[in-house]
Protein backbone atom coordinates (compact mmCIF):
# COMPACT_ATOMS: atom_id res chain seq x y z
CA MET A 1 -189.51 -53.58 175.08
CA VAL A 2 -186.77 -54.03 177.40
CA SER A 3 -184.06 -56.19 177.53
CA ILE A 4 -182.48 -57.59 180.40
CA ALA A 5 -178.71 -58.44 180.36
CA GLU A 6 -177.86 -61.65 181.48
CA PRO A 7 -175.01 -62.22 183.51
CA VAL A 8 -171.22 -63.32 182.01
CA ALA A 9 -170.45 -67.03 183.53
CA LYS A 10 -166.53 -66.18 184.73
CA SER A 11 -164.27 -68.42 183.20
CA ALA A 12 -163.45 -71.21 185.89
CA SER A 13 -159.63 -71.15 186.83
CA ARG A 14 -157.44 -74.15 184.94
CA TYR A 15 -156.09 -75.16 188.19
CA ARG A 16 -159.27 -75.27 189.92
CA PHE A 17 -160.76 -77.45 187.39
CA ILE A 18 -157.88 -79.54 187.65
CA LEU A 19 -157.70 -80.03 191.43
CA ASP A 20 -161.66 -80.81 190.86
CA GLN A 21 -160.46 -84.09 189.86
CA ARG A 22 -160.92 -86.25 192.67
CA GLY A 23 -158.06 -88.52 191.31
CA VAL A 24 -156.01 -85.42 191.17
CA LEU A 25 -156.38 -84.06 194.58
CA GLY A 26 -155.61 -87.15 196.35
CA SER A 27 -152.21 -87.49 194.67
CA VAL A 28 -151.33 -84.04 195.70
CA MET A 29 -152.66 -84.60 198.91
CA VAL A 30 -151.10 -87.98 199.48
CA ALA A 31 -147.83 -86.72 197.42
CA PRO A 32 -145.96 -84.98 200.44
CA ALA A 33 -146.28 -88.06 202.92
CA ILE A 34 -144.87 -90.60 199.99
CA LEU A 35 -142.07 -87.97 199.24
CA TYR A 36 -141.07 -87.69 202.83
CA VAL A 37 -141.09 -91.76 203.05
CA LEU A 38 -138.63 -91.86 200.05
CA LEU A 39 -136.23 -89.32 201.02
CA LEU A 40 -136.32 -89.65 204.88
CA VAL A 41 -136.56 -93.42 204.94
CA GLY A 42 -136.16 -95.12 201.45
CA LEU A 43 -132.85 -93.28 200.52
CA PRO A 44 -130.95 -94.37 203.89
CA PHE A 45 -132.24 -97.93 204.48
CA LEU A 46 -131.08 -98.50 200.91
CA LEU A 47 -127.89 -96.26 201.71
CA ALA A 48 -127.85 -98.61 204.91
CA VAL A 49 -128.18 -101.77 202.83
CA TYR A 50 -125.39 -100.65 200.31
CA TYR A 51 -122.68 -100.24 203.52
CA SER A 52 -123.88 -103.61 204.91
CA VAL A 53 -122.11 -105.22 201.79
CA SER A 54 -119.28 -102.78 201.52
CA ALA A 55 -115.87 -102.53 203.39
CA TYR A 56 -116.49 -98.89 204.41
CA THR A 57 -115.14 -97.18 206.85
CA ILE A 58 -114.43 -93.54 207.35
CA TYR A 59 -110.85 -94.36 207.49
CA ASP A 60 -110.69 -96.11 204.53
CA PRO A 61 -114.13 -94.63 202.36
CA THR A 62 -113.88 -97.49 199.96
CA TRP A 63 -117.10 -99.10 198.16
CA ARG A 64 -115.36 -102.47 197.40
CA PHE A 65 -118.08 -105.31 197.55
CA VAL A 66 -117.66 -108.09 200.10
CA GLY A 67 -121.01 -109.82 200.15
CA LEU A 68 -122.51 -111.11 203.42
CA SER A 69 -118.91 -111.19 205.29
CA ASN A 70 -119.68 -108.46 207.25
CA PHE A 71 -123.05 -110.18 208.72
CA ARG A 72 -121.30 -113.68 209.31
CA GLN A 73 -119.10 -111.29 211.21
CA ILE A 74 -121.14 -110.11 213.49
CA VAL A 75 -123.00 -113.11 214.06
CA ASN A 76 -120.28 -115.10 215.09
CA ASN A 77 -118.77 -112.00 217.48
CA SER A 78 -120.00 -112.94 221.04
CA VAL A 79 -120.64 -109.18 221.93
CA PHE A 80 -122.95 -109.19 219.42
CA GLN A 81 -124.95 -112.41 220.48
CA GLU A 82 -125.02 -110.77 224.37
CA THR A 83 -126.25 -107.40 222.73
CA LEU A 84 -129.10 -109.52 221.08
CA ALA A 85 -130.10 -111.44 223.86
CA ASN A 86 -129.99 -107.94 226.00
CA THR A 87 -132.38 -106.09 223.22
CA PHE A 88 -134.69 -108.86 223.54
CA LEU A 89 -134.92 -108.85 227.47
CA PHE A 90 -135.02 -104.87 227.36
CA THR A 91 -138.13 -105.07 224.43
CA PHE A 92 -140.44 -107.66 226.29
CA GLY A 93 -139.31 -107.15 229.83
CA SER A 94 -140.48 -103.60 229.39
CA GLN A 95 -143.13 -104.04 227.49
CA PHE A 96 -144.62 -106.62 229.96
CA LEU A 97 -144.19 -104.29 232.75
CA GLY A 98 -145.86 -101.44 231.07
CA LEU A 99 -148.92 -103.77 230.08
CA VAL A 100 -149.17 -104.80 233.54
CA LEU A 101 -148.84 -101.60 235.07
CA GLY A 102 -151.23 -99.99 232.50
CA LYS A 103 -154.04 -102.25 232.95
CA PHE A 104 -154.34 -101.85 236.59
CA GLY A 105 -153.70 -97.84 236.16
CA ALA A 106 -156.55 -98.10 233.76
CA LEU A 107 -158.67 -100.30 236.15
CA LEU A 108 -158.24 -97.18 238.99
CA LEU A 109 -159.17 -94.76 236.26
CA MET A 110 -162.19 -96.09 235.38
CA ARG A 111 -163.64 -95.64 238.87
CA PRO A 112 -165.06 -92.68 239.50
CA PHE A 113 -163.25 -90.74 242.06
CA PRO A 114 -162.61 -86.73 243.04
CA GLY A 115 -160.16 -85.40 240.33
CA ARG A 116 -160.18 -88.13 237.71
CA LYS A 117 -159.86 -85.76 235.22
CA ILE A 118 -156.81 -84.13 236.26
CA VAL A 119 -155.40 -87.56 236.91
CA ARG A 120 -156.09 -88.86 233.54
CA ALA A 121 -154.32 -85.60 232.67
CA LEU A 122 -151.21 -86.12 234.62
CA ILE A 123 -151.12 -89.72 233.78
CA ILE A 124 -149.45 -88.51 230.49
CA LEU A 125 -146.71 -86.67 232.19
CA PRO A 126 -143.92 -89.52 231.50
CA TRP A 127 -144.89 -89.61 227.88
CA ALA A 128 -145.10 -85.82 227.68
CA VAL A 129 -141.47 -85.37 229.55
CA PRO A 130 -138.08 -84.87 227.44
CA ILE A 131 -136.36 -88.25 227.77
CA ALA A 132 -133.12 -86.73 228.52
CA LEU A 133 -134.47 -84.84 231.43
CA ALA A 134 -136.70 -87.57 232.84
CA THR A 135 -133.83 -90.28 232.39
CA VAL A 136 -131.01 -87.63 234.16
CA ALA A 137 -134.00 -87.84 236.75
CA TRP A 138 -133.69 -91.52 237.21
CA GLU A 139 -130.36 -91.61 237.24
CA TRP A 140 -130.06 -89.13 240.08
CA MET A 141 -132.68 -92.17 241.81
CA PHE A 142 -130.72 -94.70 240.76
CA ASP A 143 -127.17 -93.37 242.04
CA SER A 144 -124.65 -95.25 244.11
CA LEU A 145 -124.41 -92.34 246.88
CA TYR A 146 -127.16 -90.32 246.30
CA SER A 147 -130.16 -92.85 245.40
CA VAL A 148 -133.40 -91.73 246.67
CA ILE A 149 -134.64 -95.39 246.72
CA ASN A 150 -131.52 -96.44 249.00
CA TRP A 151 -132.58 -93.90 251.37
CA THR A 152 -135.74 -94.95 251.40
CA LEU A 153 -135.33 -98.40 252.10
CA ILE A 154 -132.54 -97.76 254.57
CA SER A 155 -134.98 -95.26 256.99
CA LEU A 156 -137.64 -98.28 256.44
CA GLY A 157 -135.16 -101.05 257.85
CA ILE A 158 -135.40 -103.42 255.03
CA ILE A 159 -131.42 -102.69 254.23
CA THR A 160 -128.56 -101.53 255.78
CA ARG A 161 -126.06 -98.81 254.82
CA SER A 162 -123.94 -101.62 253.65
CA GLU A 163 -125.90 -104.01 251.62
CA ALA A 164 -127.58 -101.18 249.39
CA PRO A 165 -127.44 -102.07 246.04
CA ASN A 166 -125.27 -100.22 243.27
CA TRP A 167 -128.45 -100.36 240.92
CA LEU A 168 -126.17 -99.28 238.21
CA GLY A 169 -123.14 -100.78 238.46
CA ASN A 170 -124.38 -104.34 238.94
CA PRO A 171 -124.93 -105.84 235.44
CA HIS A 172 -128.37 -107.37 236.57
CA LEU A 173 -129.61 -104.18 238.08
CA ALA A 174 -128.55 -102.39 235.77
CA MET A 175 -130.89 -103.63 232.94
CA LEU A 176 -133.63 -104.03 235.24
CA CYS A 177 -133.14 -100.47 235.85
CA VAL A 178 -133.26 -99.60 231.96
CA ILE A 179 -136.16 -101.60 231.64
CA VAL A 180 -137.94 -100.13 234.74
CA VAL A 181 -137.45 -96.72 232.80
CA ASN A 182 -138.56 -97.75 229.67
CA ALA A 183 -141.64 -99.24 231.66
CA TRP A 184 -142.50 -96.02 233.02
CA ARG A 185 -142.17 -94.19 229.84
CA PHE A 186 -144.53 -96.89 228.13
CA PHE A 187 -146.81 -96.65 231.01
CA PRO A 188 -149.03 -93.59 229.93
CA PHE A 189 -149.64 -95.29 226.52
CA ALA A 190 -150.41 -99.02 227.82
CA VAL A 191 -153.01 -96.77 230.17
CA VAL A 192 -154.63 -95.00 227.16
CA ILE A 193 -154.78 -97.89 225.05
CA PHE A 194 -156.33 -100.11 228.24
CA LEU A 195 -158.69 -97.17 228.69
CA ALA A 196 -159.76 -96.95 224.89
CA GLY A 197 -160.22 -100.57 224.80
CA MET A 198 -162.68 -101.02 228.23
CA THR A 199 -164.87 -98.25 227.35
CA SER A 200 -165.80 -99.27 224.34
CA ILE A 201 -167.34 -102.71 225.41
CA PRO A 202 -171.11 -102.21 225.78
CA GLN A 203 -172.33 -101.86 229.42
CA ASP A 204 -174.56 -104.81 228.93
CA VAL A 205 -172.18 -107.22 228.23
CA ILE A 206 -170.83 -106.73 231.78
CA ASP A 207 -174.13 -106.54 233.11
CA ALA A 208 -175.18 -110.05 231.83
CA ALA A 209 -171.93 -111.36 233.09
CA THR A 210 -172.64 -110.04 236.59
CA VAL A 211 -175.76 -111.58 236.76
CA ASP A 212 -174.38 -114.74 235.70
CA GLY A 213 -172.14 -114.70 238.82
CA ALA A 214 -168.89 -113.72 236.76
CA GLY A 215 -166.73 -111.93 239.68
CA PHE A 216 -163.90 -109.11 239.33
CA TRP A 217 -161.34 -111.51 237.87
CA ARG A 218 -163.59 -113.53 235.66
CA ARG A 219 -165.05 -110.46 234.27
CA ASN A 220 -161.76 -108.67 233.45
CA TYR A 221 -159.81 -111.80 232.33
CA GLN A 222 -162.22 -113.85 230.86
CA ILE A 223 -164.63 -111.07 229.19
CA VAL A 224 -163.18 -107.78 229.17
CA LEU A 225 -159.25 -108.90 227.86
CA PRO A 226 -160.34 -111.09 225.44
CA MET A 227 -162.54 -108.52 223.72
CA ILE A 228 -159.87 -105.94 224.22
CA LEU A 229 -156.81 -107.67 223.06
CA PRO A 230 -156.82 -107.00 219.36
CA ILE A 231 -156.60 -103.27 221.01
CA VAL A 232 -153.83 -104.03 223.22
CA ALA A 233 -152.08 -106.06 220.84
CA VAL A 234 -152.32 -103.06 218.04
CA GLY A 235 -150.21 -100.84 220.70
CA LEU A 236 -147.82 -103.73 221.52
CA ILE A 237 -146.72 -103.82 218.04
CA PHE A 238 -145.95 -99.80 218.42
CA GLY A 239 -144.28 -100.40 221.91
CA ILE A 240 -142.26 -103.27 220.69
CA VAL A 241 -141.10 -101.49 217.44
CA PHE A 242 -140.34 -98.35 219.21
CA THR A 243 -138.11 -100.25 222.12
CA PHE A 244 -136.46 -102.66 219.92
CA THR A 245 -134.92 -99.91 217.50
CA ASP A 246 -134.16 -97.23 220.95
CA LEU A 247 -130.94 -96.21 222.30
CA SER A 248 -131.86 -93.27 224.14
CA ILE A 249 -132.40 -94.79 227.70
CA VAL A 250 -129.65 -96.98 227.32
CA PHE A 251 -127.10 -94.32 226.00
CA LEU A 252 -128.03 -91.75 228.78
CA LEU A 253 -128.47 -93.65 231.41
CA THR A 254 -125.76 -96.51 231.78
CA ASN A 255 -124.24 -95.97 228.31
CA GLY A 256 -124.34 -99.82 227.11
CA GLY A 257 -122.49 -100.40 230.62
CA PRO A 258 -121.43 -102.05 232.91
CA VAL A 259 -119.14 -104.46 230.64
CA GLY A 260 -122.07 -103.86 227.97
CA ALA A 261 -124.26 -105.55 230.55
CA THR A 262 -127.31 -103.21 228.99
CA SER A 263 -126.12 -102.98 225.49
CA VAL A 264 -129.31 -102.95 222.76
CA LEU A 265 -128.58 -103.12 219.12
CA GLY A 266 -129.28 -99.67 218.25
CA PHE A 267 -126.69 -98.76 221.06
CA GLU A 268 -124.09 -101.11 219.64
CA GLY A 269 -125.11 -99.91 215.75
CA PHE A 270 -124.07 -96.07 217.10
CA GLN A 271 -121.32 -97.07 218.74
CA VAL A 272 -119.56 -99.43 215.93
CA GLY A 273 -120.78 -97.24 212.95
CA ILE A 274 -120.54 -93.76 213.84
CA VAL A 275 -118.52 -93.68 217.20
CA SER A 276 -115.78 -96.02 215.87
CA GLY A 277 -116.10 -94.97 212.29
CA ASP A 278 -116.55 -98.72 211.35
CA VAL A 279 -119.68 -97.97 208.92
CA SER A 280 -120.19 -101.24 207.03
CA HIS A 281 -120.10 -103.12 210.54
CA GLY A 282 -122.58 -100.36 212.15
CA ALA A 283 -124.99 -100.83 209.13
CA ALA A 284 -125.05 -104.49 209.23
CA ILE A 285 -125.88 -104.60 213.04
CA SER A 286 -128.44 -102.12 212.28
CA LEU A 287 -130.13 -104.17 209.44
CA PHE A 288 -130.24 -107.04 211.76
CA MET A 289 -133.21 -105.18 213.64
CA LEU A 290 -135.18 -105.68 210.17
CA PRO A 291 -136.04 -109.28 209.87
CA VAL A 292 -136.55 -109.40 213.64
CA LEU A 293 -139.10 -106.83 213.92
CA PHE A 294 -140.87 -108.44 210.29
CA PHE A 295 -141.40 -111.24 212.13
CA VAL A 296 -142.67 -110.04 214.98
CA VAL A 297 -145.08 -107.42 213.50
CA ILE A 298 -146.38 -109.65 210.61
CA GLY A 299 -147.05 -112.58 213.44
CA MET A 300 -148.80 -110.34 215.35
CA LEU A 301 -150.68 -109.37 212.83
CA ARG A 302 -151.82 -112.44 211.75
CA PHE A 303 -152.73 -113.20 215.33
CA ILE A 304 -154.95 -110.09 215.52
CA ARG A 305 -156.85 -110.52 212.50
CA ARG A 306 -157.71 -114.43 214.26
CA ARG A 307 -159.00 -112.56 217.27
CA GLU A 308 -161.16 -110.01 215.37
CA ILE A 309 -164.94 -109.73 216.61
């Protein structure tokens, strides 16, 4: 009688056995993200906290503890108060303008027309173009001598050459310019958010409202907008956080001028802490953004939870 040899089972790799455990594999996959946050966010944050309560400057690198005196000094400083007001105006002004443009852009892109797919792809361009390149182009359009906006207004007979505005030289117009540029950057993101929300609404709801006699405005502002408000609020949180901490547009377009009229907290913290070398006050200015954003985000998350449907 012939016996058939049974195949010998290979011994499983020790590492393979360990990675087969669900808890171990999950920890290994999450570890790089946790390490990234600890090294690139947590450690600089703790260092900024320590700088803000010390007397550290690049000219006197002492670690002497001074408590909250740096915060008291910057709060009582009129330049900081103006900068804080500018930051709120810049953030909420550009977000409001971006949302309005995004809403109308999404409404247009919801309608069928030839080349809609190409237009939907091109609408992302302001978001994809490097901010330095885009800001240089905007700077040329706002130039006091070669502004294409002024040339257009003069050609249309709306203003004369002597009445041409100095966009970046006037404090109010300069703030308007940085708001417009930031809204232009935020516009594609707002369009995507509105498109995602509007396409998720069942067509039956829109048809029922139309049968009940709801017109365009009632459908959009009493039915569609309340239903997509949680999605819009999430996008708005990202927009507010990124804009409140951003300094690139102000730095490249106006450098905080004229006379500090467009200076925002991120730019002021950079100027004081890095350019001037007063690291302790620069850190205190930068950390001032944290409680403001914390309360804004918490308030909006509570709003989203109440409006969830």
